[in-house]
Amino acid sequence: MKWLSNAISELRTEIGEVQAAVNSTVILQNHEQLDTELSLLRSDVSNLNSQLELAKNKNENYEAKLQMLQVEIGSLREFNRATATSCGKLKHQMKAMQLESARNLKTLQDIRSNEQYSQISEDRPYRHQRILKKHIIQLEKSSKELFKENHHIKSKLSSLEQNILILQEHSEKSLNRFDSINGNEIENYIENNRMHQSKDKSDERLANLTSQMNEHSESIANLTRHMTDFDKLHLSLLELLENVESIEFKVDNNFPDMRKEISKVEVQVNEVKAELSELKEEMSNSRSSMKAIGLSVSNLQDRNAEDHRSLKEVDFRVQNLIRSNNLQNSKLHDHILKAESASIDLNATKSTIHLVEELKSFEQEYKDIVNKLPSDCSSVSGPNGIYLISPSDGEPILAYCEDGWTIIQRRYDGSVDFNKNWNDYSNGFGSATSEHWIGNRNIHHLTRANCSRLQINMKDIYGKYWQANYDDFKVLDYSNGFKLIVNKYHGNASDALDYQNNMEFSTVDNDRDISNTHCASNYEGGWWFSHCQHANLNGRYNLGLTWFDSSRNEWIAISNSEMRVRKRAVC
């Protein structure tokens, strides 16, 4: 009897603990708020990371552009140096040509002074093209006049030669006559002597003419040589002038373009420097904000860890309470049977019967407490978070409630292994605060009234959101292999579950698909497989979370998934 009284007192304390656990929803709400804050912080951190990556990419692009601009500036500087050197060489060449032209002009002036063309002074420089052309024309005129004079001199020489020949013939005749002089012909001899004297004078004149003729021929040869040299100089001067004009034209055309390009490059460099300074400021600000966010995230993680510990303790206490209750019931029944068989004392039997009735009343109170719990999240009145619900007459479970929806599956980081056996998928695994599967038995109890609808929210690896809604959703019991029944699809993700409708649930140790292969073993997860799948949200996280979009005939690679159920408004 003492033992029974002690057991009853222990049961009372455990029932009080159960009530305290039921009243611990405030802690769960706080934990939910912390989870929401953590999710927001994670999203902020991901956004900041993406912004940092974009800023890094922009910085890399700007650095590449700067390098390109620096290379272009270097090439432009080299081109400017080359043009400057070429201009310097051209200047030296122009100076040399000017000196040569001055020398040639001096020589030509000397020639003209001999031919009475000393109209141009020696100190005057000739730099302009038109003046040089005028001088060249004058030189050509003077050369033509020299040719005319040469021709006139040649004609005179030819006439003198003819006269000389006539005189020679005449002198020969006179000599013959002089040989025939005799006796009294002295007068004729004197006359002939006079003729001889005139012949001597004509010879002298002829010698003078020949000497003059030789001098004129030498001067003509010198003039022809000077003319050939002058022609060569004229051609070289013309070529040089054309080259100088073309170079000056190119330089004049290229200088403004080069100045414009250099100004553009300088403007671009200044803009890039300004953008780089802004990027540096943004990077410093983002680093400081990242440090602050990291501190807040670490604090929230510490708080989240403490809340997880408290939730685990609450779960452990509830499980211990249920186990101790079952154990106490079995022990109490065994003790009562032993007491009834061993004792005949009616008072003892009455007291034991009284204790049994009290125990039954306690059990009824426990059942009443469990029955008072909501059967699903549609009956929960309060903010979004984790609540105790009782889908069946059995033990209560922790579920995440959001706007009347009961979350039955969630995956987002692969922290929970979904390659479980049949019993694990029947009873459920994971935690309502992280990745989990609520259990096929609980899904059956939530949908057994045939008044539930299913919503599947997904996010692919590119950040795009997808949704599949089924207005009719039901999972049959254990004896029917937890068969899936879905109808009335609408959404943007395509009706992929239609391929697996009316299929039983398969796991790695219980193959119930209609394929020749073991789909659950191949894709490492439990699901309603057919041949094998068009949709599978319980496969291997980095490999098997897929959904087939029949409108595009493409597979969607899923990174986040969430399955939720809710009662329809009208049934």
Protein backbone atom coordinates (compact mmCIF):
# COMPACT_ATOMS: atom_id res chain seq x y z
CA MET A 1 0.00 0.00 0.00
CA LYS A 2 2.83 2.37 0.79
CA TRP A 3 4.38 1.53 -2.51
CA LEU A 4 1.09 2.27 -4.25
CA SER A 5 0.73 5.58 -2.47
CA ASN A 6 4.28 6.49 -3.46
CA ALA A 7 3.58 5.51 -7.06
CA ILE A 8 0.42 7.62 -7.08
CA SER A 9 2.33 10.61 -5.72
CA GLU A 10 4.97 10.12 -8.39
CA LEU A 11 2.25 9.96 -11.01
CA ARG A 12 0.77 13.19 -9.70
CA THR A 13 4.15 14.92 -9.94
CA GLU A 14 4.68 13.55 -13.46
CA ILE A 15 1.19 14.72 -14.50
CA GLY A 16 2.07 18.15 -13.16
CA GLU A 17 5.25 18.04 -15.23
CA VAL A 18 3.15 17.14 -18.28
CA GLN A 19 0.96 20.16 -17.64
CA ALA A 20 4.08 22.28 -17.30
CA ALA A 21 5.33 20.84 -20.59
CA VAL A 22 1.99 21.71 -22.19
CA ASN A 23 2.39 25.23 -20.88
CA SER A 24 5.92 25.44 -22.33
CA THR A 25 4.59 26.73 -25.65
CA VAL A 26 5.84 30.19 -24.68
CA ILE A 27 9.41 28.84 -24.80
CA LEU A 28 8.65 27.29 -28.13
CA GLN A 29 7.25 30.58 -29.43
CA ASN A 30 10.40 32.36 -28.32
CA HIS A 31 12.41 29.67 -30.04
CA GLU A 32 10.33 30.19 -33.19
CA GLN A 33 10.98 33.93 -33.06
CA LEU A 34 14.68 33.20 -32.76
CA ASP A 35 14.44 30.83 -35.73
CA THR A 36 12.71 33.51 -37.81
CA GLU A 37 15.36 36.04 -36.81
CA LEU A 38 18.04 33.53 -37.71
CA SER A 39 16.44 32.87 -41.09
CA LEU A 40 16.25 36.62 -41.74
CA LEU A 41 19.87 37.02 -40.72
CA ARG A 42 20.85 34.12 -42.95
CA SER A 43 19.02 35.72 -45.87
CA ASP A 44 20.72 39.05 -45.09
CA VAL A 45 24.09 37.29 -44.93
CA SER A 46 23.41 35.53 -48.25
CA ASN A 47 22.37 38.85 -49.81
CA LEU A 48 25.49 40.51 -48.47
CA ASN A 49 27.60 37.64 -49.78
CA SER A 50 25.99 38.00 -53.21
CA GLN A 51 26.56 41.77 -53.10
CA LEU A 52 30.17 41.18 -52.08
CA GLU A 53 30.62 38.75 -54.96
CA LEU A 54 29.10 41.30 -57.35
CA ALA A 55 31.37 43.99 -55.95
CA LYS A 56 34.38 41.68 -56.32
CA ASN A 57 33.39 40.93 -59.91
CA LYS A 58 32.98 44.66 -60.62
CA ASN A 59 36.35 45.33 -58.98
CA GLU A 60 37.98 42.63 -61.12
CA ASN A 61 36.34 44.09 -64.24
CA TYR A 62 37.52 47.58 -63.32
CA GLU A 63 41.03 46.29 -62.65
CA ALA A 64 41.05 44.55 -66.04
CA LYS A 65 39.82 47.76 -67.67
CA LEU A 66 42.53 49.71 -65.84
CA GLN A 67 45.17 47.31 -67.07
CA MET A 68 43.83 47.64 -70.62
CA LEU A 69 43.83 51.42 -70.29
CA GLN A 70 47.35 51.39 -68.90
CA VAL A 71 48.47 49.23 -71.81
CA GLU A 72 46.76 51.61 -74.25
CA ILE A 73 48.31 54.62 -72.54
CA GLY A 74 51.74 52.94 -72.75
CA SER A 75 51.22 52.21 -76.44
CA LEU A 76 50.09 55.81 -77.03
CA ARG A 77 53.11 57.09 -75.18
CA GLU A 78 55.39 54.88 -77.26
CA PHE A 79 53.60 56.09 -80.39
CA ASN A 80 54.05 59.71 -79.24
CA ARG A 81 57.73 59.04 -78.59
CA ALA A 82 58.12 57.41 -82.01
CA THR A 83 56.34 60.33 -83.68
CA ALA A 84 58.48 62.79 -81.70
CA THR A 85 61.66 60.97 -82.76
CA SER A 86 60.46 60.82 -86.38
CA CYS A 87 59.59 64.54 -86.23
CA GLY A 88 63.04 65.25 -84.82
CA LYS A 89 64.64 63.22 -87.59
CA LEU A 90 62.55 65.07 -90.16
CA LYS A 91 63.57 68.38 -88.63
CA HIS A 92 67.24 67.37 -88.87
CA GLN A 93 66.70 66.22 -92.43
CA MET A 94 64.94 69.50 -93.26
CA LYS A 95 67.79 71.46 -91.75
CA ALA A 96 70.32 69.39 -93.70
CA MET A 97 68.32 69.86 -96.91
CA GLN A 98 68.04 73.58 -96.20
CA LEU A 99 71.80 73.77 -95.76
CA GLU A 100 72.34 71.81 -98.97
CA SER A 101 69.82 73.97 -100.81
CA ALA A 102 71.56 77.09 -99.47
CA ARG A 103 74.90 75.77 -100.69
CA ASN A 104 73.45 74.86 -104.07
CA LEU A 105 71.85 78.27 -104.32
CA LYS A 106 75.16 79.91 -103.54
CA THR A 107 76.80 77.95 -106.29
CA LEU A 108 73.97 78.85 -108.66
CA GLN A 109 74.28 82.48 -107.62
CA ASP A 110 77.99 82.36 -108.46
CA ILE A 111 77.12 80.97 -111.90
CA ARG A 112 74.49 83.66 -112.41
CA SER A 113 76.91 86.41 -111.37
CA ASN A 114 79.18 85.26 -114.23
CA GLU A 115 76.18 85.37 -116.59
CA GLN A 116 74.85 88.73 -115.26
CA TYR A 117 72.08 87.21 -113.11
CA SER A 118 73.07 88.52 -109.69
CA GLN A 119 69.61 89.70 -108.65
CA ILE A 120 69.38 87.58 -105.50
CA SER A 121 71.60 88.20 -102.45
CA GLU A 122 73.66 85.46 -100.81
CA ASP A 123 72.35 86.01 -97.27
CA ARG A 124 68.67 85.38 -98.11
CA PRO A 125 67.36 81.95 -96.88
CA TYR A 126 64.95 80.00 -99.13
CA ARG A 127 62.62 77.90 -97.14
CA HIS A 128 59.32 78.10 -98.87
CA GLN A 129 58.38 75.83 -101.70
CA ARG A 130 56.98 78.52 -104.00
CA ILE A 131 60.19 80.59 -103.83
CA LEU A 132 62.24 77.50 -104.67
CA LYS A 133 59.99 76.81 -107.64
CA LYS A 134 60.40 80.41 -108.85
CA HIS A 135 64.18 80.11 -108.60
CA ILE A 136 64.06 76.80 -110.44
CA ILE A 137 62.02 78.40 -113.25
CA GLN A 138 64.49 81.28 -113.46
CA LEU A 139 67.35 78.82 -113.61
CA GLU A 140 65.64 76.96 -116.42
CA LYS A 141 65.19 80.24 -118.32
CA SER A 142 68.85 81.11 -117.82
CA SER A 143 69.86 77.64 -119.01
CA LYS A 144 67.75 78.10 -122.16
CA GLU A 145 69.42 81.46 -122.81
CA LEU A 146 72.80 79.82 -122.32
CA PHE A 147 71.84 77.16 -124.85
CA LYS A 148 70.85 79.90 -127.31
CA GLU A 149 74.13 81.75 -126.80
CA ASN A 150 76.01 78.48 -127.21
CA HIS A 151 74.23 77.87 -130.49
CA HIS A 152 75.00 81.43 -131.66
CA ILE A 153 78.67 80.97 -130.75
CA LYS A 154 78.76 77.68 -132.63
CA SER A 155 77.31 79.38 -135.72
CA LYS A 156 79.92 82.13 -135.44
CA LEU A 157 82.65 79.53 -135.09
CA SER A 158 81.43 77.70 -138.19
CA SER A 159 81.48 81.00 -140.18
CA LEU A 160 84.98 81.77 -138.90
CA GLU A 161 86.14 78.32 -139.91
CA GLN A 162 84.81 78.90 -143.41
CA ASN A 163 86.63 82.25 -143.58
CA ILE A 164 89.82 80.57 -142.37
CA LEU A 165 89.55 77.95 -145.08
CA ILE A 166 89.06 80.67 -147.71
CA LEU A 167 92.07 82.57 -146.39
CA GLN A 168 94.18 79.44 -146.40
CA GLU A 169 93.31 78.77 -150.02
CA HIS A 170 94.07 82.36 -150.91
CA SER A 171 97.45 82.21 -149.12
CA GLU A 172 98.43 79.05 -150.97
CA LYS A 173 97.71 80.72 -154.27
CA SER A 174 99.81 83.74 -153.31
CA LEU A 175 102.76 81.54 -152.34
CA ASN A 176 102.64 79.83 -155.68
CA ARG A 177 102.70 83.16 -157.35
CA PHE A 178 105.65 84.31 -155.20
CA ASP A 179 107.67 81.37 -156.42
CA SER A 180 107.24 82.57 -159.97
CA ILE A 181 108.81 86.03 -159.29
CA ASN A 182 111.74 87.04 -161.55
CA GLY A 183 113.68 90.07 -162.74
CA ASN A 184 111.51 93.13 -162.89
CA GLU A 185 108.47 91.86 -160.95
CA ILE A 186 109.55 93.42 -157.65
CA GLU A 187 106.42 95.42 -157.35
CA ASN A 188 104.39 92.28 -157.47
CA TYR A 189 106.70 90.82 -154.86
CA ILE A 190 106.06 93.75 -152.58
CA GLU A 191 102.40 93.37 -153.05
CA ASN A 192 102.75 89.68 -152.30
CA ASN A 193 104.82 90.57 -149.30
CA ARG A 194 101.98 92.74 -148.16
CA MET A 195 99.66 89.85 -148.73
CA HIS A 196 101.94 87.72 -146.61
CA GLN A 197 101.73 90.25 -143.84
CA SER A 198 97.95 90.25 -144.12
CA LYS A 199 98.10 86.46 -144.01
CA ASP A 200 100.07 86.68 -140.78
CA LYS A 201 97.47 88.98 -139.33
CA SER A 202 94.70 86.62 -140.34
CA ASP A 203 96.56 83.73 -138.72
CA GLU A 204 96.78 85.69 -135.52
CA ARG A 205 93.07 86.43 -135.70
CA LEU A 206 92.40 82.76 -136.36
CA ALA A 207 94.46 81.72 -133.33
CA ASN A 208 92.59 84.20 -131.21
CA LEU A 209 89.27 82.88 -132.50
CA THR A 210 90.28 79.26 -131.84
CA SER A 211 91.35 80.12 -128.31
CA GLN A 212 88.03 81.91 -127.75
CA MET A 213 86.23 78.97 -129.27
CA ASN A 214 88.01 76.56 -126.92
CA GLU A 215 87.14 78.75 -123.94
CA HIS A 216 83.50 78.90 -125.05
CA SER A 217 83.40 75.10 -125.48
CA GLU A 218 84.87 74.62 -122.01
CA SER A 219 82.34 77.05 -120.54
CA ILE A 220 79.56 75.22 -122.40
CA ALA A 221 80.77 71.86 -121.01
CA ASN A 222 80.86 73.33 -117.53
CA LEU A 223 77.36 74.72 -118.02
CA THR A 224 76.04 71.35 -119.17
CA ARG A 225 77.60 69.68 -116.13
CA HIS A 226 76.05 72.28 -113.85
CA MET A 227 72.73 71.81 -115.60
CA THR A 228 72.76 68.03 -115.03
CA ASP A 229 73.69 68.58 -111.39
CA PHE A 230 70.99 71.17 -111.14
CA ASP A 231 68.40 68.76 -112.61
CA LYS A 232 69.35 66.10 -110.10
CA LEU A 233 69.15 68.64 -107.27
CA HIS A 234 65.80 69.82 -108.59
CA LEU A 235 64.37 66.29 -108.57
CA SER A 236 65.71 65.57 -105.08
CA LEU A 237 64.28 68.85 -103.81
CA LEU A 238 60.87 68.05 -105.30
CA GLU A 239 60.84 64.57 -103.72
CA LEU A 240 61.96 66.00 -100.41
CA LEU A 241 59.23 68.63 -100.51
CA GLU A 242 56.59 66.02 -101.30
CA ASN A 243 57.79 63.82 -98.43
CA VAL A 244 57.84 66.77 -96.04
CA GLU A 245 54.33 67.83 -97.08
CA SER A 246 52.96 64.29 -96.63
CA ILE A 247 54.63 63.95 -93.22
CA GLU A 248 53.36 67.36 -92.11
CA PHE A 249 49.86 66.44 -93.33
CA LYS A 250 49.94 63.15 -91.42
CA VAL A 251 51.28 64.80 -88.29
CA ASP A 252 48.68 67.58 -88.48
CA ASN A 253 45.89 65.01 -88.95
CA ASN A 254 47.10 62.65 -86.22
CA PHE A 255 47.88 65.20 -83.49
CA PRO A 256 44.27 66.25 -82.72
CA ASP A 257 43.10 62.62 -82.79
CA MET A 258 45.90 61.63 -80.45
CA ARG A 259 45.11 64.52 -78.13
CA LYS A 260 41.43 63.55 -78.12
CA GLU A 261 42.25 59.92 -77.39
CA ILE A 262 44.65 60.92 -74.62
CA SER A 263 42.00 63.19 -73.08
CA LYS A 264 39.42 60.38 -73.34
CA VAL A 265 41.80 57.93 -71.71
CA GLU A 266 42.54 60.40 -68.91
CA VAL A 267 38.81 60.92 -68.33
CA GLN A 268 38.22 57.15 -68.26
CA VAL A 269 41.12 56.68 -65.85
CA ASN A 270 39.70 59.34 -63.54
CA GLU A 271 36.26 57.74 -63.69
CA VAL A 272 37.69 54.32 -62.92
CA LYS A 273 39.66 55.76 -60.02
CA ALA A 274 36.50 57.37 -58.64
CA GLU A 275 34.58 54.10 -58.99
CA LEU A 276 37.41 52.22 -57.33
CA SER A 277 37.38 54.62 -54.39
CA GLU A 278 33.61 54.15 -54.08
CA LEU A 279 34.03 50.39 -54.25
CA LYS A 280 36.70 50.51 -51.56
CA GLU A 281 34.37 52.51 -49.34
CA GLU A 282 31.54 50.06 -50.00
CA MET A 283 33.85 47.14 -49.25
CA SER A 284 34.93 48.69 -45.97
CA ASN A 285 31.32 49.39 -45.02
CA SER A 286 30.25 45.88 -45.99
CA ARG A 287 33.12 44.41 -43.98
CA SER A 288 32.11 46.37 -40.91
CA SER A 289 28.48 45.36 -41.40
CA MET A 290 29.55 41.73 -41.90
CA LYS A 291 31.48 41.85 -38.65
CA ALA A 292 28.42 43.22 -36.81
CA ILE A 293 26.17 40.63 -38.47
CA GLY A 294 28.64 37.88 -37.58
CA LEU A 295 28.54 38.92 -33.94
CA SER A 296 24.74 39.01 -33.94
CA VAL A 297 24.58 35.66 -35.75
CA SER A 298 26.96 34.09 -33.23
CA ASN A 299 24.80 35.41 -30.38
CA LEU A 300 21.64 34.12 -32.02
CA GLN A 301 23.29 30.77 -32.66
CA ASP A 302 24.17 30.55 -28.99
CA ARG A 303 20.59 31.36 -28.06
CA ASN A 304 19.30 28.90 -30.64
CA ALA A 305 21.56 26.19 -29.21
CA GLU A 306 20.25 26.88 -25.72
CA ASP A 307 16.66 26.70 -26.98
CA HIS A 308 17.42 23.44 -28.79
CA ARG A 309 18.80 22.03 -25.55
CA SER A 310 15.71 23.11 -23.64
CA LEU A 311 13.44 21.58 -26.31
CA LYS A 312 15.38 18.35 -26.23
CA GLU A 313 15.05 18.28 -22.46
CA VAL A 314 11.29 18.85 -22.76
CA ASP A 315 11.01 16.05 -25.34
CA PHE A 316 13.09 13.77 -23.18
CA ARG A 317 10.95 14.51 -20.14
CA VAL A 318 7.74 13.87 -22.09
CA GLN A 319 9.07 10.56 -23.39
CA ASN A 320 10.24 9.56 -19.91
CA LEU A 321 6.85 10.54 -18.52
CA ILE A 322 5.03 8.38 -21.06
CA ARG A 323 7.37 5.46 -20.47
CA SER A 324 7.11 5.77 -16.67
CA ASN A 325 3.33 5.96 -16.95
CA ASN A 326 3.19 2.75 -18.96
CA LEU A 327 5.66 1.07 -16.61
CA GLN A 328 3.75 2.18 -13.53
CA ASN A 329 0.50 0.91 -15.02
CA SER A 330 1.99 -2.49 -15.76
CA LYS A 331 3.62 -2.68 -12.33
CA LEU A 332 0.43 -1.58 -10.63
CA HIS A 333 -1.67 -4.18 -12.39
CA ASP A 334 0.85 -6.91 -11.58
CA HIS A 335 1.01 -5.82 -7.96
CA ILE A 336 -2.75 -5.74 -7.67
CA LEU A 337 -3.04 -9.27 -9.06
CA LYS A 338 -0.35 -10.48 -6.66
CA ALA A 339 -2.05 -8.70 -3.75
CA GLU A 340 -5.43 -10.15 -4.63
CA SER A 341 -4.03 -13.68 -4.88
CA ALA A 342 -1.83 -13.48 -1.77
CA SER A 343 -4.09 -11.53 0.56
CA ILE A 344 -7.60 -12.24 1.73
CA ASP A 345 -7.91 -9.05 3.65
CA LEU A 346 -10.91 -7.21 2.29
CA ASN A 347 -9.70 -3.86 3.52
CA ALA A 348 -6.49 -4.31 1.55
CA THR A 349 -8.44 -5.25 -1.55
CA LYS A 350 -10.69 -2.23 -1.09
CA SER A 351 -7.69 0.04 -0.78
CA THR A 352 -6.08 -1.45 -3.85
CA ILE A 353 -9.31 -1.06 -5.77
CA HIS A 354 -9.39 2.56 -4.62
CA LEU A 355 -5.84 3.07 -5.81
CA VAL A 356 -6.66 1.46 -9.14
CA GLU A 357 -9.62 3.79 -9.55
CA GLU A 358 -7.39 6.76 -8.71
CA LEU A 359 -4.88 5.51 -11.24
CA LYS A 360 -7.63 5.24 -13.84
CA SER A 361 -8.74 8.74 -13.00
CA PHE A 362 -5.15 9.94 -13.48
CA GLU A 363 -4.99 8.12 -16.80
CA GLN A 364 -8.24 9.76 -17.81
CA GLU A 365 -6.87 13.14 -16.81
CA TYR A 366 -3.76 12.47 -18.97
CA LYS A 367 -5.99 11.46 -21.88
CA ASP A 368 -8.12 14.55 -21.36
CA ILE A 369 -4.97 16.69 -21.46
CA VAL A 370 -3.84 14.96 -24.66
CA ASN A 371 -7.32 15.19 -26.19
CA LYS A 372 -7.40 18.90 -25.44
CA LEU A 373 -4.42 19.34 -27.74
CA PRO A 374 -5.31 20.41 -31.31
CA SER A 375 -5.44 17.63 -33.89
CA ASP A 376 -3.64 19.81 -36.46
CA CYS A 377 -2.40 23.38 -36.90
CA SER A 378 -5.72 24.65 -38.24
CA SER A 379 -7.01 24.67 -34.63
CA VAL A 380 -3.99 26.55 -33.28
CA SER A 381 -4.55 30.18 -32.36
CA GLY A 382 -1.28 32.00 -32.05
CA PRO A 383 1.80 33.09 -33.94
CA ASN A 384 3.69 30.83 -36.29
CA GLY A 385 5.90 28.37 -34.46
CA ILE A 386 6.20 24.92 -32.89
CA TYR A 387 3.18 23.46 -31.05
CA LEU A 388 2.13 20.17 -29.45
CA ILE A 389 -0.60 18.53 -31.53
CA SER A 390 -2.33 15.15 -31.31
CA PRO A 391 -3.35 13.86 -34.76
CA SER A 392 -4.55 10.54 -33.24
CA ASP A 393 -5.44 9.09 -29.85
CA GLY A 394 -1.82 8.19 -29.26
CA GLU A 395 1.07 10.28 -28.02
CA PRO A 396 1.34 13.99 -28.93
CA ILE A 397 3.95 15.27 -31.38
CA LEU A 398 5.76 18.54 -31.96
CA ALA A 399 4.82 20.18 -35.28
CA TYR A 400 5.63 23.48 -36.95
CA CYS A 401 2.47 25.54 -37.59
CA GLU A 402 2.33 28.41 -40.07
CA ASP A 403 -0.95 30.24 -40.84
CA GLY A 404 -3.02 27.09 -40.21
CA TRP A 405 -0.74 24.84 -42.25
CA THR A 406 0.94 21.78 -40.70
CA ILE A 407 4.48 21.27 -42.01
CA ILE A 408 5.00 17.55 -42.76
CA GLN A 409 8.36 17.78 -44.59
CA ARG A 410 11.20 20.29 -44.79
CA ARG A 411 14.64 20.22 -46.41
CA TYR A 412 17.09 23.07 -46.95
CA ASP A 413 20.70 22.09 -46.09
CA GLY A 414 21.04 18.28 -46.05
CA SER A 415 21.80 18.15 -42.31
CA VAL A 416 19.39 15.20 -41.79
CA ASP A 417 19.89 11.85 -43.52
CA PHE A 418 16.65 10.85 -45.33
CA ASN A 419 17.91 7.38 -46.33
CA LYS A 420 15.85 5.72 -43.54
CA ASN A 421 14.02 2.40 -43.19
CA TRP A 422 10.27 1.68 -43.16
CA ASN A 423 9.76 2.16 -39.40
CA ASP A 424 11.60 5.49 -39.37
CA TYR A 425 9.42 6.82 -42.20
CA SER A 426 6.31 5.44 -40.43
CA ASN A 427 7.08 7.10 -37.08
CA GLY A 428 8.91 10.19 -38.41
CA PHE A 429 12.41 11.57 -37.86
CA GLY A 430 14.26 14.84 -37.58
CA SER A 431 13.19 17.92 -35.61
CA ALA A 432 10.37 20.36 -36.29
CA THR A 433 12.91 23.18 -35.91
CA SER A 434 15.09 21.88 -38.77
CA GLU A 435 14.85 19.25 -41.50
CA HIS A 436 12.33 16.49 -40.69
CA TRP A 437 9.67 14.04 -41.89
CA ILE A 438 6.58 14.07 -39.64
CA GLY A 439 5.83 10.35 -40.22
CA ASN A 440 3.51 8.39 -42.51
CA ARG A 441 1.22 7.38 -39.62
CA ASN A 442 0.77 11.02 -38.59
CA ILE A 443 0.18 12.06 -42.24
CA HIS A 444 -2.50 9.35 -42.46
CA HIS A 445 -4.21 10.61 -39.30
CA LEU A 446 -4.01 14.22 -40.53
CA THR A 447 -5.63 13.33 -43.88
CA ARG A 448 -7.90 10.38 -42.99
CA ALA A 449 -11.07 12.56 -43.03
CA ASN A 450 -10.50 13.07 -46.79
CA CYS A 451 -10.74 16.83 -46.23
CA SER A 452 -7.13 17.94 -46.67
CA ARG A 453 -5.15 19.75 -49.30
CA LEU A 454 -1.42 19.69 -49.98
CA GLN A 455 0.93 22.56 -50.81
CA ILE A 456 4.54 22.00 -51.93
CA ASN A 457 6.89 25.02 -51.96
CA MET A 458 10.24 24.60 -53.72
CA LYS A 459 13.29 26.69 -54.59
CA ASP A 460 15.72 25.58 -57.29
CA ILE A 461 19.49 25.97 -57.27
CA TYR A 462 19.18 29.19 -59.35
CA GLY A 463 16.97 30.91 -56.73
CA LYS A 464 13.64 30.56 -58.58
CA TYR A 465 10.53 29.61 -56.55
CA TRP A 466 8.08 26.89 -57.61
CA GLN A 467 4.75 25.78 -56.11
CA ALA A 468 2.49 22.76 -56.57
CA ASN A 469 -1.01 22.72 -54.96
CA TYR A 470 -3.35 19.70 -54.71
CA ASP A 471 -6.86 20.37 -53.40
CA ASP A 472 -7.39 16.63 -52.72
CA PHE A 473 -4.67 14.91 -50.69
CA LYS A 474 -4.84 11.71 -48.71
CA VAL A 475 -2.47 9.00 -47.43
CA LEU A 476 -3.96 5.58 -46.57
CA ASP A 477 -3.05 3.53 -43.48
CA TYR A 478 -0.31 0.99 -42.78
CA SER A 479 -2.26 -1.96 -44.19
CA ASN A 480 -2.51 -0.20 -47.57
CA GLY A 481 1.19 0.67 -47.65
CA PHE A 482 0.51 4.39 -46.99
CA LYS A 483 -0.80 4.78 -50.54
CA LEU A 484 -0.78 8.31 -52.03
CA ILE A 485 -3.96 9.90 -53.45
CA VAL A 486 -3.70 13.40 -54.98
CA ASN A 487 -6.00 15.30 -57.37
CA LYS A 488 -6.95 18.82 -58.58
CA TYR A 489 -3.50 20.28 -59.26
CA HIS A 490 -2.73 23.99 -59.77
CA GLY A 491 0.56 25.92 -59.60
CA ASN A 492 3.65 26.75 -61.69
CA ALA A 493 5.72 23.60 -61.08
CA SER A 494 3.75 21.13 -63.30
CA ASP A 495 1.75 18.09 -62.04
CA ALA A 496 4.69 15.75 -61.37
CA LEU A 497 2.90 13.72 -58.65
CA ASP A 498 0.31 12.52 -61.17
CA TYR A 499 2.96 10.06 -62.40
CA GLN A 500 3.16 8.62 -58.86
CA ASN A 501 -0.53 8.87 -57.88
CA ASN A 502 -2.06 5.74 -56.23
CA MET A 503 1.45 4.38 -55.48
CA GLU A 504 2.44 2.80 -52.15
CA PHE A 505 5.33 4.15 -50.10
CA SER A 506 8.74 2.50 -50.66
CA THR A 507 11.89 2.56 -48.54
CA VAL A 508 15.32 1.01 -48.77
CA ASP A 509 14.12 -2.07 -46.83
CA ASN A 510 10.55 -2.29 -48.24
CA ASP A 511 10.33 -2.09 -52.05
CA ARG A 512 6.69 -1.44 -53.10
CA ASP A 513 7.21 0.30 -56.48
CA ILE A 514 6.17 -1.18 -59.84
CA SER A 515 9.60 -0.82 -61.42
CA ASN A 516 12.01 -3.65 -62.21
CA THR A 517 14.68 -1.79 -60.21
CA HIS A 518 14.79 -0.81 -56.53
CA CYS A 519 13.99 2.90 -56.78
CA ALA A 520 14.37 3.70 -53.07
CA SER A 521 17.79 2.06 -52.98
CA ASN A 522 18.92 3.84 -56.16
CA TYR A 523 17.77 7.32 -55.07
CA GLU A 524 18.53 6.86 -51.31
CA GLY A 525 15.22 7.96 -49.79
CA GLY A 526 11.63 6.92 -49.08
CA TRP A 527 8.92 8.07 -51.50
CA TRP A 528 5.83 7.01 -53.48
CA PHE A 529 7.85 5.51 -56.35
CA SER A 530 6.38 4.25 -59.61
CA HIS A 531 8.78 3.77 -62.65
CA CYS A 532 10.68 5.28 -60.66
CA GLN A 533 9.85 8.98 -60.30
CA HIS A 534 8.85 12.31 -61.76
CA ALA A 535 9.15 13.90 -58.33
CA ASN A 536 11.28 13.01 -55.31
CA LEU A 537 11.85 15.41 -52.42
CA ASN A 538 13.28 12.81 -49.99
CA GLY A 539 16.31 11.69 -52.03
CA ARG A 540 19.95 12.43 -51.46
CA TYR A 541 20.24 16.18 -50.89
CA ASN A 542 23.06 17.06 -53.29
CA LEU A 543 21.90 14.62 -55.95
CA GLY A 544 18.28 13.49 -55.76
CA LEU A 545 15.92 16.42 -54.96
CA THR A 546 14.11 16.67 -58.29
CA TRP A 547 10.81 17.75 -59.82
CA PHE A 548 9.92 17.27 -63.50
CA ASP A 549 8.45 20.26 -65.34
CA SER A 550 6.46 18.69 -68.18
CA SER A 551 5.60 22.09 -69.72
CA ARG A 552 9.30 22.67 -70.52
CA ASN A 553 10.29 18.97 -70.58
CA GLU A 554 13.06 19.73 -68.08
CA TRP A 555 14.07 18.59 -64.59
CA ILE A 556 14.11 21.17 -61.77
CA ALA A 557 17.07 20.81 -59.41
CA ILE A 558 15.64 21.58 -55.95
CA SER A 559 17.68 23.17 -53.15
CA ASN A 560 14.82 23.88 -50.65
CA SER A 561 11.52 22.02 -50.26
CA GLU A 562 8.59 22.21 -47.86
CA MET A 563 5.40 20.06 -47.81
CA ARG A 564 2.40 21.28 -45.79
CA VAL A 565 -1.21 20.12 -45.29
CA ARG A 566 -4.37 21.89 -44.19
CA LYS A 567 -8.06 21.16 -43.94
CA ARG A 568 -10.22 22.50 -46.73
CA ALA A 569 -12.65 25.28 -45.87
CA VAL A 570 -15.63 23.31 -47.22
CA CYS A 571 -15.74 19.52 -47.14
